[in-house]
């Protein structure tokens, strides 16, 4: 396990909080996005099956690289060992939401 970098990335999407363990995190070629590569899931030989991790496995089954908007990222941690990837509810509907704003806002007409 020594020498292997792993990252825990927490971000929100569609009212849910995603916590994923990945092998690499970098800025994407597309402005304003973070690239997540090598999504890591729990051990294959576990007897207990976590339904939230199973739904994540199905959602990211064929994904090689995931691009997440920078404003959706809550936290990125470098960790020494993987944990369990999961999805948790994001709280009350509408209580926490990204504040979408354009990069440039033109001045009002007439000024």
PDB file of N, CA and C in Angstrom:
ATOM      1  N   UNK A   1       0.811  -1.187   0.000  1.00  0.00           N
ATOM      2  CA  UNK A   1       0.000   0.000   0.000  1.00  0.00           C
ATOM      3  C   UNK A   1       0.859   1.257   0.000  1.00  0.00           C
ATOM      4  N   UNK A   2       2.069   1.154   0.503  1.00  0.00           N
ATOM      5  CA  UNK A   2       2.939   2.323   0.584  1.00  0.00           C
ATOM      6  C   UNK A   2       3.252   2.847  -0.810  1.00  0.00           C
ATOM      7  N   UNK A   3       3.212   4.168  -0.960  1.00  0.00           N
ATOM      8  CA  UNK A   3       3.552   4.778  -2.226  1.00  0.00           C
ATOM      9  C   UNK A   3       2.366   4.959  -3.170  1.00  0.00           C
ATOM     10  N   UNK A   4       1.223   4.366  -2.869  1.00  0.00           N
ATOM     11  CA  UNK A   4       0.052   4.517  -3.726  1.00  0.00           C
ATOM     12  C   UNK A   4      -0.780   5.697  -3.250  1.00  0.00           C
ATOM     13  N   UNK A   5      -0.950   6.666  -4.123  1.00  0.00           N
ATOM     14  CA  UNK A   5      -1.777   7.820  -3.784  1.00  0.00           C
ATOM     15  C   UNK A   5      -3.228   7.492  -4.092  1.00  0.00           C
ATOM     16  N   UNK A   6      -4.092   7.896  -3.211  1.00  0.00           N
ATOM     17  CA  UNK A   6      -5.531   7.794  -3.412  1.00  0.00           C
ATOM     18  C   UNK A   6      -6.132   9.109  -2.954  1.00  0.00           C
ATOM     19  N   UNK A   7      -7.208   9.497  -3.580  1.00  0.00           N
ATOM     20  CA  UNK A   7      -7.875  10.742  -3.245  1.00  0.00           C
ATOM     21  C   UNK A   7      -9.340  10.475  -2.923  1.00  0.00           C
ATOM     22  N   UNK A   8      -9.824  11.119  -1.878  1.00  0.00           N
ATOM     23  CA  UNK A   8     -11.249  11.089  -1.563  1.00  0.00           C
ATOM     24  C   UNK A   8     -11.809  12.423  -2.052  1.00  0.00           C
ATOM     25  N   UNK A   9     -12.750  12.342  -2.991  1.00  0.00           N
ATOM     26  CA  UNK A   9     -13.344  13.533  -3.578  1.00  0.00           C
ATOM     27  C   UNK A   9     -14.809  13.586  -3.176  1.00  0.00           C
ATOM     28  N   UNK A  10     -15.212  14.690  -2.583  1.00  0.00           N
ATOM     29  CA  UNK A  10     -16.593  14.892  -2.163  1.00  0.00           C
ATOM     30  C   UNK A  10     -17.160  16.026  -3.012  1.00  0.00           C
ATOM     31  N   UNK A  11     -18.269  15.755  -3.700  1.00  0.00           N
ATOM     32  CA  UNK A  11     -18.902  16.773  -4.531  1.00  0.00           C
ATOM     33  C   UNK A  11     -20.409  16.570  -4.527  1.00  0.00           C
ATOM     34  N   UNK A  12     -21.140  17.616  -4.909  1.00  0.00           N
ATOM     35  CA  UNK A  12     -22.590  17.482  -4.956  1.00  0.00           C
ATOM     36  C   UNK A  12     -23.060  17.485  -6.402  1.00  0.00           C
ATOM     37  N   UNK A  13     -24.107  16.709  -6.632  1.00  0.00           N
ATOM     38  CA  UNK A  13     -24.699  16.605  -7.960  1.00  0.00           C
ATOM     39  C   UNK A  13     -26.164  16.222  -7.812  1.00  0.00           C
ATOM     40  N   UNK A  14     -27.043  17.001  -8.393  1.00  0.00           N
ATOM     41  CA  UNK A  14     -28.481  16.731  -8.427  1.00  0.00           C
ATOM     42  C   UNK A  14     -29.061  16.462  -7.040  1.00  0.00           C
ATOM     43  N   UNK A  15     -28.687  17.280  -6.070  1.00  0.00           N
ATOM     44  CA  UNK A  15     -29.242  17.185  -4.731  1.00  0.00           C
ATOM     45  C   UNK A  15     -28.645  16.096  -3.853  1.00  0.00           C
ATOM     46  N   UNK A  16     -27.604  15.424  -4.319  1.00  0.00           N
ATOM     47  CA  UNK A  16     -26.957  14.374  -3.529  1.00  0.00           C
ATOM     48  C   UNK A  16     -25.482  14.699  -3.359  1.00  0.00           C
ATOM     49  N   UNK A  17     -24.904  14.186  -2.277  1.00  0.00           N
ATOM     50  CA  UNK A  17     -23.477  14.346  -2.019  1.00  0.00           C
ATOM     51  C   UNK A  17     -22.795  13.031  -2.381  1.00  0.00           C
ATOM     52  N   UNK A  18     -21.833  13.096  -3.293  1.00  0.00           N
ATOM     53  CA  UNK A  18     -21.072  11.927  -3.725  1.00  0.00           C
ATOM     54  C   UNK A  18     -19.727  11.933  -3.023  1.00  0.00           C
ATOM     55  N   UNK A  19     -19.302  10.794  -2.525  1.00  0.00           N
ATOM     56  CA  UNK A  19     -17.965  10.625  -1.963  1.00  0.00           C
ATOM     57  C   UNK A  19     -17.309   9.476  -2.720  1.00  0.00           C
ATOM     58  N   UNK A  20     -16.304   9.798  -3.531  1.00  0.00           N
ATOM     59  CA  UNK A  20     -15.632   8.811  -4.362  1.00  0.00           C
ATOM     60  C   UNK A  20     -14.156   8.726  -4.001  1.00  0.00           C
ATOM     61  N   UNK A  21     -13.590   7.555  -4.163  1.00  0.00           N
ATOM     62  CA  UNK A  21     -12.155   7.353  -4.023  1.00  0.00           C
ATOM     63  C   UNK A  21     -11.595   7.124  -5.417  1.00  0.00           C
ATOM     64  N   UNK A  22     -10.590   7.924  -5.775  1.00  0.00           N
ATOM     65  CA  UNK A  22     -10.032   7.864  -7.122  1.00  0.00           C
ATOM     66  C   UNK A  22      -8.504   7.786  -7.051  1.00  0.00           C
ATOM     67  N   UNK A  23      -7.911   7.365  -8.169  1.00  0.00           N
ATOM     68  CA  UNK A  23      -6.447   7.250  -8.246  1.00  0.00           C
ATOM     69  C   UNK A  23      -5.780   8.560  -8.639  1.00  0.00           C
ATOM     70  N   UNK A  24      -6.481   9.401  -9.416  1.00  0.00           N
ATOM     71  CA  UNK A  24      -5.868  10.639  -9.883  1.00  0.00           C
ATOM     72  C   UNK A  24      -6.900  11.751  -9.975  1.00  0.00           C
ATOM     73  N   UNK A  25      -6.479  12.959  -9.592  1.00  0.00           N
ATOM     74  CA  UNK A  25      -7.294  14.168  -9.705  1.00  0.00           C
ATOM     75  C   UNK A  25      -6.447  15.216 -10.406  1.00  0.00           C
ATOM     76  N   UNK A  26      -7.040  15.871 -11.408  1.00  0.00           N
ATOM     77  CA  UNK A  26      -6.312  16.926 -12.109  1.00  0.00           C
ATOM     78  C   UNK A  26      -7.298  17.934 -12.675  1.00  0.00           C
ATOM     79  N   UNK A  27      -6.774  19.074 -13.094  1.00  0.00           N
ATOM     80  CA  UNK A  27      -7.658  20.033 -13.759  1.00  0.00           C
ATOM     81  C   UNK A  27      -7.873  19.541 -15.178  1.00  0.00           C
ATOM     82  N   UNK A  28      -9.090  19.664 -15.656  1.00  0.00           N
ATOM     83  CA  UNK A  28      -9.435  19.176 -16.987  1.00  0.00           C
ATOM     84  C   UNK A  28      -9.075  20.209 -18.048  1.00  0.00           C
ATOM     85  N   UNK A  29      -9.071  19.765 -19.286  1.00  0.00           N
ATOM     86  CA  UNK A  29      -8.806  20.672 -20.406  1.00  0.00           C
ATOM     87  C   UNK A  29      -9.950  21.657 -20.585  1.00  0.00           C
ATOM     88  N   UNK A  30     -11.126  21.284 -20.131  1.00  0.00           N
ATOM     89  CA  UNK A  30     -12.294  22.149 -20.214  1.00  0.00           C
ATOM     90  C   UNK A  30     -12.270  23.083 -19.003  1.00  0.00           C
ATOM     91  N   UNK A  31     -12.339  24.369 -19.253  1.00  0.00           N
ATOM     92  CA  UNK A  31     -12.254  25.367 -18.188  1.00  0.00           C
ATOM     93  C   UNK A  31     -13.341  25.148 -17.142  1.00  0.00           C
ATOM     94  N   UNK A  32     -12.953  25.139 -15.875  1.00  0.00           N
ATOM     95  CA  UNK A  32     -13.912  25.052 -14.783  1.00  0.00           C
ATOM     96  C   UNK A  32     -14.297  23.641 -14.377  1.00  0.00           C
ATOM     97  N   UNK A  33     -13.553  22.631 -14.843  1.00  0.00           N
ATOM     98  CA  UNK A  33     -13.856  21.248 -14.497  1.00  0.00           C
ATOM     99  C   UNK A  33     -12.647  20.565 -13.870  1.00  0.00           C
ATOM    100  N   UNK A  34     -12.912  19.587 -12.993  1.00  0.00           N
ATOM    101  CA  UNK A  34     -11.888  18.770 -12.363  1.00  0.00           C
ATOM    102  C   UNK A  34     -12.041  17.355 -12.931  1.00  0.00           C
ATOM    103  N   UNK A  35     -10.932  16.745 -13.349  1.00  0.00           N
ATOM    104  CA  UNK A  35     -10.958  15.393 -13.910  1.00  0.00           C
ATOM    105  C   UNK A  35     -10.657  14.375 -12.822  1.00  0.00           C
ATOM    106  N   UNK A  36     -11.515  13.371 -12.696  1.00  0.00           N
ATOM    107  CA  UNK A  36     -11.333  12.267 -11.759  1.00  0.00           C
ATOM    108  C   UNK A  36     -11.075  11.001 -12.565  1.00  0.00           C
ATOM    109  N   UNK A  37      -9.959  10.330 -12.264  1.00  0.00           N
ATOM    110  CA  UNK A  37      -9.606   9.126 -13.020  1.00  0.00           C
ATOM    111  C   UNK A  37      -9.380   7.955 -12.082  1.00  0.00           C
ATOM    112  N   UNK A  38      -9.744   6.763 -12.543  1.00  0.00           N
ATOM    113  CA  UNK A  38      -9.503   5.540 -11.780  1.00  0.00           C
ATOM    114  C   UNK A  38     -10.349   5.433 -10.538  1.00  0.00           C
ATOM    115  N   UNK A  39     -11.662   5.406 -10.692  1.00  0.00           N
ATOM    116  CA  UNK A  39     -12.554   5.293  -9.534  1.00  0.00           C
ATOM    117  C   UNK A  39     -12.331   3.940  -8.868  1.00  0.00           C
ATOM    118  N   UNK A  40     -12.124   3.972  -7.542  1.00  0.00           N
ATOM    119  CA  UNK A  40     -11.817   2.766  -6.772  1.00  0.00           C
ATOM    120  C   UNK A  40     -13.030   2.405  -5.922  1.00  0.00           C
ATOM    121  N   UNK A  41     -13.413   1.135  -5.983  1.00  0.00           N
ATOM    122  CA  UNK A  41     -14.510   0.652  -5.155  1.00  0.00           C
ATOM    123  C   UNK A  41     -13.970  -0.332  -4.141  1.00  0.00           C
ATOM    124  N   UNK A  42     -14.809  -0.727  -3.181  1.00  0.00           N
ATOM    125  CA  UNK A  42     -14.407  -1.620  -2.100  1.00  0.00           C
ATOM    126  C   UNK A  42     -13.970  -2.989  -2.597  1.00  0.00           C
ATOM    127  N   UNK A  43     -13.550  -3.814  -1.651  1.00  0.00           N
ATOM    128  CA  UNK A  43     -13.073  -5.159  -1.954  1.00  0.00           C
ATOM    129  C   UNK A  43     -14.160  -5.988  -2.618  1.00  0.00           C
ATOM    130  N   UNK A  44     -13.753  -6.829  -3.572  1.00  0.00           N
ATOM    131  CA  UNK A  44     -14.695  -7.682  -4.283  1.00  0.00           C
ATOM    132  C   UNK A  44     -15.115  -8.887  -3.446  1.00  0.00           C
ATOM    133  N   UNK A  45     -14.327  -9.257  -2.440  1.00  0.00           N
ATOM    134  CA  UNK A  45     -14.614 -10.466  -1.684  1.00  0.00           C
ATOM    135  C   UNK A  45     -15.362 -10.199  -0.380  1.00  0.00           C
ATOM    136  N   UNK A  46     -15.937  -9.016  -0.231  1.00  0.00           N
ATOM    137  CA  UNK A  46     -16.679  -8.718   0.984  1.00  0.00           C
ATOM    138  C   UNK A  46     -18.003  -9.471   0.995  1.00  0.00           C
ATOM    139  N   UNK A  47     -18.385  -9.934   2.165  1.00  0.00           N
ATOM    140  CA  UNK A  47     -19.643 -10.653   2.314  1.00  0.00           C
ATOM    141  C   UNK A  47     -20.808  -9.669   2.384  1.00  0.00           C
ATOM    142  N   UNK A  48     -20.611  -8.561   3.086  1.00  0.00           N
ATOM    143  CA  UNK A  48     -21.664  -7.561   3.248  1.00  0.00           C
ATOM    144  C   UNK A  48     -21.660  -6.648   2.026  1.00  0.00           C
ATOM    145  N   UNK A  49     -22.837  -6.433   1.445  1.00  0.00           N
ATOM    146  CA  UNK A  49     -22.963  -5.580   0.270  1.00  0.00           C
ATOM    147  C   UNK A  49     -23.621  -4.266   0.691  1.00  0.00           C
ATOM    148  N   UNK A  50     -22.963  -3.162   0.379  1.00  0.00           N
ATOM    149  CA  UNK A  50     -23.495  -1.838   0.684  1.00  0.00           C
ATOM    150  C   UNK A  50     -24.311  -1.363  -0.518  1.00  0.00           C
ATOM    151  N   UNK A  51     -25.627  -1.141  -0.353  1.00  0.00           N
ATOM    152  CA  UNK A  51     -26.453  -0.762  -1.498  1.00  0.00           C
ATOM    153  C   UNK A  51     -26.045   0.565  -2.140  1.00  0.00           C
ATOM    154  N   UNK A  52     -25.564   1.523  -1.344  1.00  0.00           N
ATOM    155  CA  UNK A  52     -25.161   2.798  -1.937  1.00  0.00           C
ATOM    156  C   UNK A  52     -23.914   2.632  -2.799  1.00  0.00           C
ATOM    157  N   UNK A  53     -22.985   1.768  -2.370  1.00  0.00           N
ATOM    158  CA  UNK A  53     -21.798   1.532  -3.195  1.00  0.00           C
ATOM    159  C   UNK A  53     -22.163   0.749  -4.451  1.00  0.00           C
ATOM    160  N   UNK A  54     -23.109  -0.155  -4.348  1.00  0.00           N
ATOM    161  CA  UNK A  54     -23.559  -0.901  -5.523  1.00  0.00           C
ATOM    162  C   UNK A  54     -24.197   0.027  -6.549  1.00  0.00           C
ATOM    163  N   UNK A  55     -24.969   1.004  -6.083  1.00  0.00           N
ATOM    164  CA  UNK A  55     -25.571   1.955  -7.028  1.00  0.00           C
ATOM    165  C   UNK A  55     -24.495   2.817  -7.685  1.00  0.00           C
ATOM    166  N   UNK A  56     -23.444   3.157  -6.932  1.00  0.00           N
ATOM    167  CA  UNK A  56     -22.317   3.897  -7.524  1.00  0.00           C
ATOM    168  C   UNK A  56     -21.588   3.055  -8.559  1.00  0.00           C
ATOM    169  N   UNK A  57     -21.386   1.773  -8.269  1.00  0.00           N
ATOM    170  CA  UNK A  57     -20.733   0.885  -9.232  1.00  0.00           C
ATOM    171  C   UNK A  57     -21.521   0.836 -10.527  1.00  0.00           C
ATOM    172  N   UNK A  58     -22.841   0.771 -10.411  1.00  0.00           N
ATOM    173  CA  UNK A  58     -23.675   0.747 -11.612  1.00  0.00           C
ATOM    174  C   UNK A  58     -23.629   2.072 -12.360  1.00  0.00           C
ATOM    175  N   UNK A  59     -23.630   3.183 -11.616  1.00  0.00           N
ATOM    176  CA  UNK A  59     -23.619   4.498 -12.250  1.00  0.00           C
ATOM    177  C   UNK A  59     -22.304   4.781 -12.972  1.00  0.00           C
ATOM    178  N   UNK A  60     -21.187   4.345 -12.382  1.00  0.00           N
ATOM    179  CA  UNK A  60     -19.861   4.625 -12.951  1.00  0.00           C
ATOM    180  C   UNK A  60     -19.217   3.382 -13.563  1.00  0.00           C
ATOM    181  N   UNK A  61     -20.023   2.420 -13.987  1.00  0.00           N
ATOM    182  CA  UNK A  61     -19.519   1.132 -14.483  1.00  0.00           C
ATOM    183  C   UNK A  61     -18.512   1.285 -15.623  1.00  0.00           C
ATOM    184  N   UNK A  62     -18.848   2.020 -16.662  1.00  0.00           N
ATOM    185  CA  UNK A  62     -17.985   2.130 -17.837  1.00  0.00           C
ATOM    186  C   UNK A  62     -17.237   3.459 -17.910  1.00  0.00           C
ATOM    187  N   UNK A  63     -17.188   4.187 -16.816  1.00  0.00           N
ATOM    188  CA  UNK A  63     -16.558   5.509 -16.809  1.00  0.00           C
ATOM    189  C   UNK A  63     -15.057   5.360 -16.582  1.00  0.00           C
ATOM    190  N   UNK A  64     -14.273   5.909 -17.503  1.00  0.00           N
ATOM    191  CA  UNK A  64     -12.822   5.914 -17.349  1.00  0.00           C
ATOM    192  C   UNK A  64     -12.343   7.215 -16.725  1.00  0.00           C
ATOM    193  N   UNK A  65     -13.032   8.295 -17.059  1.00  0.00           N
ATOM    194  CA  UNK A  65     -12.650   9.629 -16.590  1.00  0.00           C
ATOM    195  C   UNK A  65     -13.923  10.431 -16.387  1.00  0.00           C
ATOM    196  N   UNK A  66     -14.048  11.035 -15.231  1.00  0.00           N
ATOM    197  CA  UNK A  66     -15.252  11.797 -14.891  1.00  0.00           C
ATOM    198  C   UNK A  66     -14.866  13.263 -14.728  1.00  0.00           C
ATOM    199  N   UNK A  67     -15.616  14.153 -15.369  1.00  0.00           N
ATOM    200  CA  UNK A  67     -15.374  15.589 -15.246  1.00  0.00           C
ATOM    201  C   UNK A  67     -16.443  16.183 -14.353  1.00  0.00           C
ATOM    202  N   UNK A  68     -16.015  16.811 -13.264  1.00  0.00           N
ATOM    203  CA  UNK A  68     -16.920  17.400 -12.283  1.00  0.00           C
ATOM    204  C   UNK A  68     -16.727  18.913 -12.314  1.00  0.00           C
ATOM    205  N   UNK A  69     -17.824  19.682 -12.367  1.00  0.00           N
ATOM    206  CA  UNK A  69     -17.677  21.143 -12.337  1.00  0.00           C
ATOM    207  C   UNK A  69     -16.965  21.590 -11.057  1.00  0.00           C
ATOM    208  N   UNK A  70     -16.076  22.530 -11.204  1.00  0.00           N
ATOM    209  CA  UNK A  70     -15.276  23.007 -10.071  1.00  0.00           C
ATOM    210  C   UNK A  70     -16.144  23.535  -8.937  1.00  0.00           C
ATOM    211  N   UNK A  71     -17.241  24.204  -9.249  1.00  0.00           N
ATOM    212  CA  UNK A  71     -18.095  24.758  -8.192  1.00  0.00           C
ATOM    213  C   UNK A  71     -18.879  23.676  -7.446  1.00  0.00           C
ATOM    214  N   UNK A  72     -18.909  22.440  -7.965  1.00  0.00           N
ATOM    215  CA  UNK A  72     -19.621  21.351  -7.290  1.00  0.00           C
ATOM    216  C   UNK A  72     -18.722  20.616  -6.291  1.00  0.00           C
ATOM    217  N   UNK A  73     -17.410  20.813  -6.383  1.00  0.00           N
ATOM    218  CA  UNK A  73     -16.475  20.113  -5.501  1.00  0.00           C
ATOM    219  C   UNK A  73     -16.529  20.738  -4.109  1.00  0.00           C
ATOM    220  N   UNK A  74     -16.715  19.876  -3.115  1.00  0.00           N
ATOM    221  CA  UNK A  74     -16.740  20.325  -1.725  1.00  0.00           C
ATOM    222  C   UNK A  74     -15.363  20.158  -1.101  1.00  0.00           C
ATOM    223  N   UNK A  75     -14.735  19.014  -1.366  1.00  0.00           N
ATOM    224  CA  UNK A  75     -13.462  18.728  -0.710  1.00  0.00           C
ATOM    225  C   UNK A  75     -12.702  17.646  -1.480  1.00  0.00           C
ATOM    226  N   UNK A  76     -11.364  17.762  -1.488  1.00  0.00           N
ATOM    227  CA  UNK A  76     -10.482  16.736  -2.054  1.00  0.00           C
ATOM    228  C   UNK A  76      -9.410  16.449  -1.021  1.00  0.00           C
ATOM    229  N   UNK A  77      -9.297  15.182  -0.591  1.00  0.00           N
ATOM    230  CA  UNK A  77      -8.303  14.768   0.391  1.00  0.00           C
ATOM    231  C   UNK A  77      -7.414  13.681  -0.193  1.00  0.00           C
ATOM    232  N   UNK A  78      -6.109  13.761   0.067  1.00  0.00           N
ATOM    233  CA  UNK A  78      -5.223  12.648  -0.262  1.00  0.00           C
ATOM    234  C   UNK A  78      -5.230  11.718   0.947  1.00  0.00           C
ATOM    235  N   UNK A  79      -5.530  10.449   0.709  1.00  0.00           N
ATOM    236  CA  UNK A  79      -5.668   9.483   1.799  1.00  0.00           C
ATOM    237  C   UNK A  79      -4.696   8.325   1.598  1.00  0.00           C
ATOM    238  N   UNK A  80      -4.380   7.636   2.691  1.00  0.00           N
ATOM    239  CA  UNK A  80      -3.445   6.519   2.604  1.00  0.00           C
ATOM    240  C   UNK A  80      -4.126   5.208   2.230  1.00  0.00           C
ATOM    241  N   UNK A  81      -5.432   5.105   2.496  1.00  0.00           N
ATOM    242  CA  UNK A  81      -6.141   3.886   2.118  1.00  0.00           C
ATOM    243  C   UNK A  81      -7.569   4.247   1.711  1.00  0.00           C
ATOM    244  N   UNK A  82      -8.140   3.389   0.853  1.00  0.00           N
ATOM    245  CA  UNK A  82      -9.491   3.653   0.376  1.00  0.00           C
ATOM    246  C   UNK A  82     -10.519   3.347   1.451  1.00  0.00           C
ATOM    247  N   UNK A  83     -11.638   3.969   1.326  1.00  0.00           N
ATOM    248  CA  UNK A  83     -12.789   3.677   2.161  1.00  0.00           C
ATOM    249  C   UNK A  83     -13.923   3.212   1.269  1.00  0.00           C
ATOM    250  N   UNK A  84     -15.117   3.393   1.728  1.00  0.00           N
ATOM    251  CA  UNK A  84     -16.282   2.987   0.960  1.00  0.00           C
ATOM    252  C   UNK A  84     -16.855   4.204   0.255  1.00  0.00           C
ATOM    253  N   UNK A  85     -16.966   4.132  -1.068  1.00  0.00           N
ATOM    254  CA  UNK A  85     -17.603   5.201  -1.824  1.00  0.00           C
ATOM    255  C   UNK A  85     -19.087   5.173  -1.527  1.00  0.00           C
ATOM    256  N   UNK A  86     -19.706   6.353  -1.501  1.00  0.00           N
ATOM    257  CA  UNK A  86     -21.120   6.385  -1.134  1.00  0.00           C
ATOM    258  C   UNK A  86     -21.796   7.632  -1.673  1.00  0.00           C
ATOM    259  N   UNK A  87     -23.127   7.571  -1.648  1.00  0.00           N
ATOM    260  CA  UNK A  87     -23.976   8.714  -1.981  1.00  0.00           C
ATOM    261  C   UNK A  87     -24.827   8.986  -0.757  1.00  0.00           C
ATOM    262  N   UNK A  88     -24.877  10.243  -0.333  1.00  0.00           N
ATOM    263  CA  UNK A  88     -25.730  10.604   0.798  1.00  0.00           C
ATOM    264  C   UNK A  88     -26.662  11.731   0.360  1.00  0.00           C
ATOM    265  N   UNK A  89     -27.835  11.810   0.960  1.00  0.00           N
ATOM    266  CA  UNK A  89     -28.739  12.912   0.610  1.00  0.00           C
ATOM    267  C   UNK A  89     -28.098  14.253   0.928  1.00  0.00           C
ATOM    268  N   UNK A  90     -28.407  15.250   0.114  1.00  0.00           N
ATOM    269  CA  UNK A  90     -27.814  16.567   0.277  1.00  0.00           C
ATOM    270  C   UNK A  90     -28.561  17.477   1.213  1.00  0.00           C
ATOM    271  N   UNK A  91     -29.432  16.971   2.030  1.00  0.00           N
ATOM    272  CA  UNK A  91     -30.205  17.813   2.942  1.00  0.00           C
ATOM    273  C   UNK A  91     -31.556  18.126   2.357  1.00  0.00           C
ATOM    274  N   UNK A  92     -32.204  19.142   2.926  1.00  0.00           N
ATOM    275  CA  UNK A  92     -33.523  19.537   2.435  1.00  0.00           C
ATOM    276  C   UNK A  92     -33.415  20.022   0.996  1.00  0.00           C
ATOM    277  N   UNK A  93     -34.428  19.704   0.232  1.00  0.00           N
ATOM    278  CA  UNK A  93     -34.447  20.147  -1.155  1.00  0.00           C
ATOM    279  C   UNK A  93     -34.401  21.662  -1.217  1.00  0.00           C
ATOM    280  N   UNK A  94     -33.443  22.201  -1.911  1.00  0.00           N
ATOM    281  CA  UNK A  94     -33.335  23.636  -2.067  1.00  0.00           C
ATOM    282  C   UNK A  94     -32.597  24.342  -0.939  1.00  0.00           C
ATOM    283  N   UNK A  95     -32.205  23.640   0.123  1.00  0.00           N
ATOM    284  CA  UNK A  95     -31.506  24.277   1.229  1.00  0.00           C
ATOM    285  C   UNK A  95     -30.077  24.635   0.836  1.00  0.00           C
ATOM    286  N   UNK A  96     -29.406  23.759   0.109  1.00  0.00           N
ATOM    287  CA  UNK A  96     -28.046  24.016  -0.346  1.00  0.00           C
ATOM    288  C   UNK A  96     -28.009  23.784  -1.839  1.00  0.00           C
ATOM    289  N   UNK A  97     -27.604  24.786  -2.559  1.00  0.00           N
ATOM    290  CA  UNK A  97     -27.529  24.665  -4.011  1.00  0.00           C
ATOM    291  C   UNK A  97     -26.388  25.526  -4.508  1.00  0.00           C
ATOM    292  N   UNK A  98     -25.757  25.122  -5.603  1.00  0.00           N
ATOM    293  CA  UNK A  98     -24.711  25.969  -6.161  1.00  0.00           C
ATOM    294  C   UNK A  98     -25.315  27.275  -6.662  1.00  0.00           C
ATOM    295  N   UNK A  99     -24.551  28.321  -6.597  1.00  0.00           N
ATOM    296  CA  UNK A  99     -25.014  29.625  -7.045  1.00  0.00           C
ATOM    297  C   UNK A  99     -24.467  29.863  -8.439  1.00  0.00           C
ATOM    298  N   UNK A 100     -25.237  29.537  -9.475  1.00  0.00           N
ATOM    299  CA  UNK A 100     -24.710  29.674 -10.838  1.00  0.00           C
ATOM    300  C   UNK A 100     -24.653  31.130 -11.262  1.00  0.00           C
ATOM    301  N   UNK A 101     -23.494  31.561 -11.634  1.00  0.00           N
ATOM    302  CA  UNK A 101     -23.330  32.922 -12.124  1.00  0.00           C
ATOM    303  C   UNK A 101     -22.454  32.891 -13.364  1.00  0.00           C
ATOM    304  N   UNK A 102     -22.716  33.761 -14.302  1.00  0.00           N
ATOM    305  CA  UNK A 102     -21.818  33.831 -15.449  1.00  0.00           C
ATOM    306  C   UNK A 102     -20.499  34.477 -15.031  1.00  0.00           C
ATOM    307  N   UNK A 103     -19.450  34.190 -15.755  1.00  0.00           N
ATOM    308  CA  UNK A 103     -18.145  34.759 -15.437  1.00  0.00           C
ATOM    309  C   UNK A 103     -18.166  36.272 -15.681  1.00  0.00           C
ATOM    310  N   UNK A 104     -18.844  36.681 -16.749  1.00  0.00           N
ATOM    311  CA  UNK A 104     -18.924  38.104 -17.071  1.00  0.00           C
ATOM    312  C   UNK A 104     -20.387  38.511 -17.098  1.00  0.00           C
ATOM    313  N   UNK A 105     -20.734  39.525 -16.357  1.00  0.00           N
ATOM    314  CA  UNK A 105     -22.090  40.061 -16.358  1.00  0.00           C
ATOM    315  C   UNK A 105     -22.045  41.429 -17.015  1.00  0.00           C
ATOM    316  N   UNK A 106     -22.724  41.556 -18.154  1.00  0.00           N
ATOM    317  CA  UNK A 106     -22.697  42.863 -18.835  1.00  0.00           C
ATOM    318  C   UNK A 106     -23.445  43.909 -18.006  1.00  0.00           C
ATOM    319  N   UNK A 107     -23.030  45.164 -18.106  1.00  0.00           N
ATOM    320  CA  UNK A 107     -23.732  46.218 -17.350  1.00  0.00           C
ATOM    321  C   UNK A 107     -25.137  46.413 -17.909  1.00  0.00           C
ATOM    322  N   UNK A 108     -26.052  46.907 -17.095  1.00  0.00           N
ATOM    323  CA  UNK A 108     -27.407  47.154 -17.582  1.00  0.00           C
ATOM    324  C   UNK A 108     -27.404  48.180 -18.711  1.00  0.00           C
ATOM    325  N   UNK A 109     -28.381  48.052 -19.591  1.00  0.00           N
ATOM    326  CA  UNK A 109     -28.457  48.983 -20.721  1.00  0.00           C
ATOM    327  C   UNK A 109     -28.716  50.391 -20.222  1.00  0.00           C
ATOM    328  N   UNK A 110     -28.123  51.351 -20.906  1.00  0.00           N
ATOM    329  CA  UNK A 110     -28.326  52.757 -20.547  1.00  0.00           C
ATOM    330  C   UNK A 110     -27.304  53.279 -19.552  1.00  0.00           C
ATOM    331  N   UNK A 111     -26.397  52.471 -19.115  1.00  0.00           N
ATOM    332  CA  UNK A 111     -25.367  52.953 -18.165  1.00  0.00           C
ATOM    333  C   UNK A 111     -24.009  52.841 -18.763  1.00  0.00           C
TER     334      UNK A 111
END
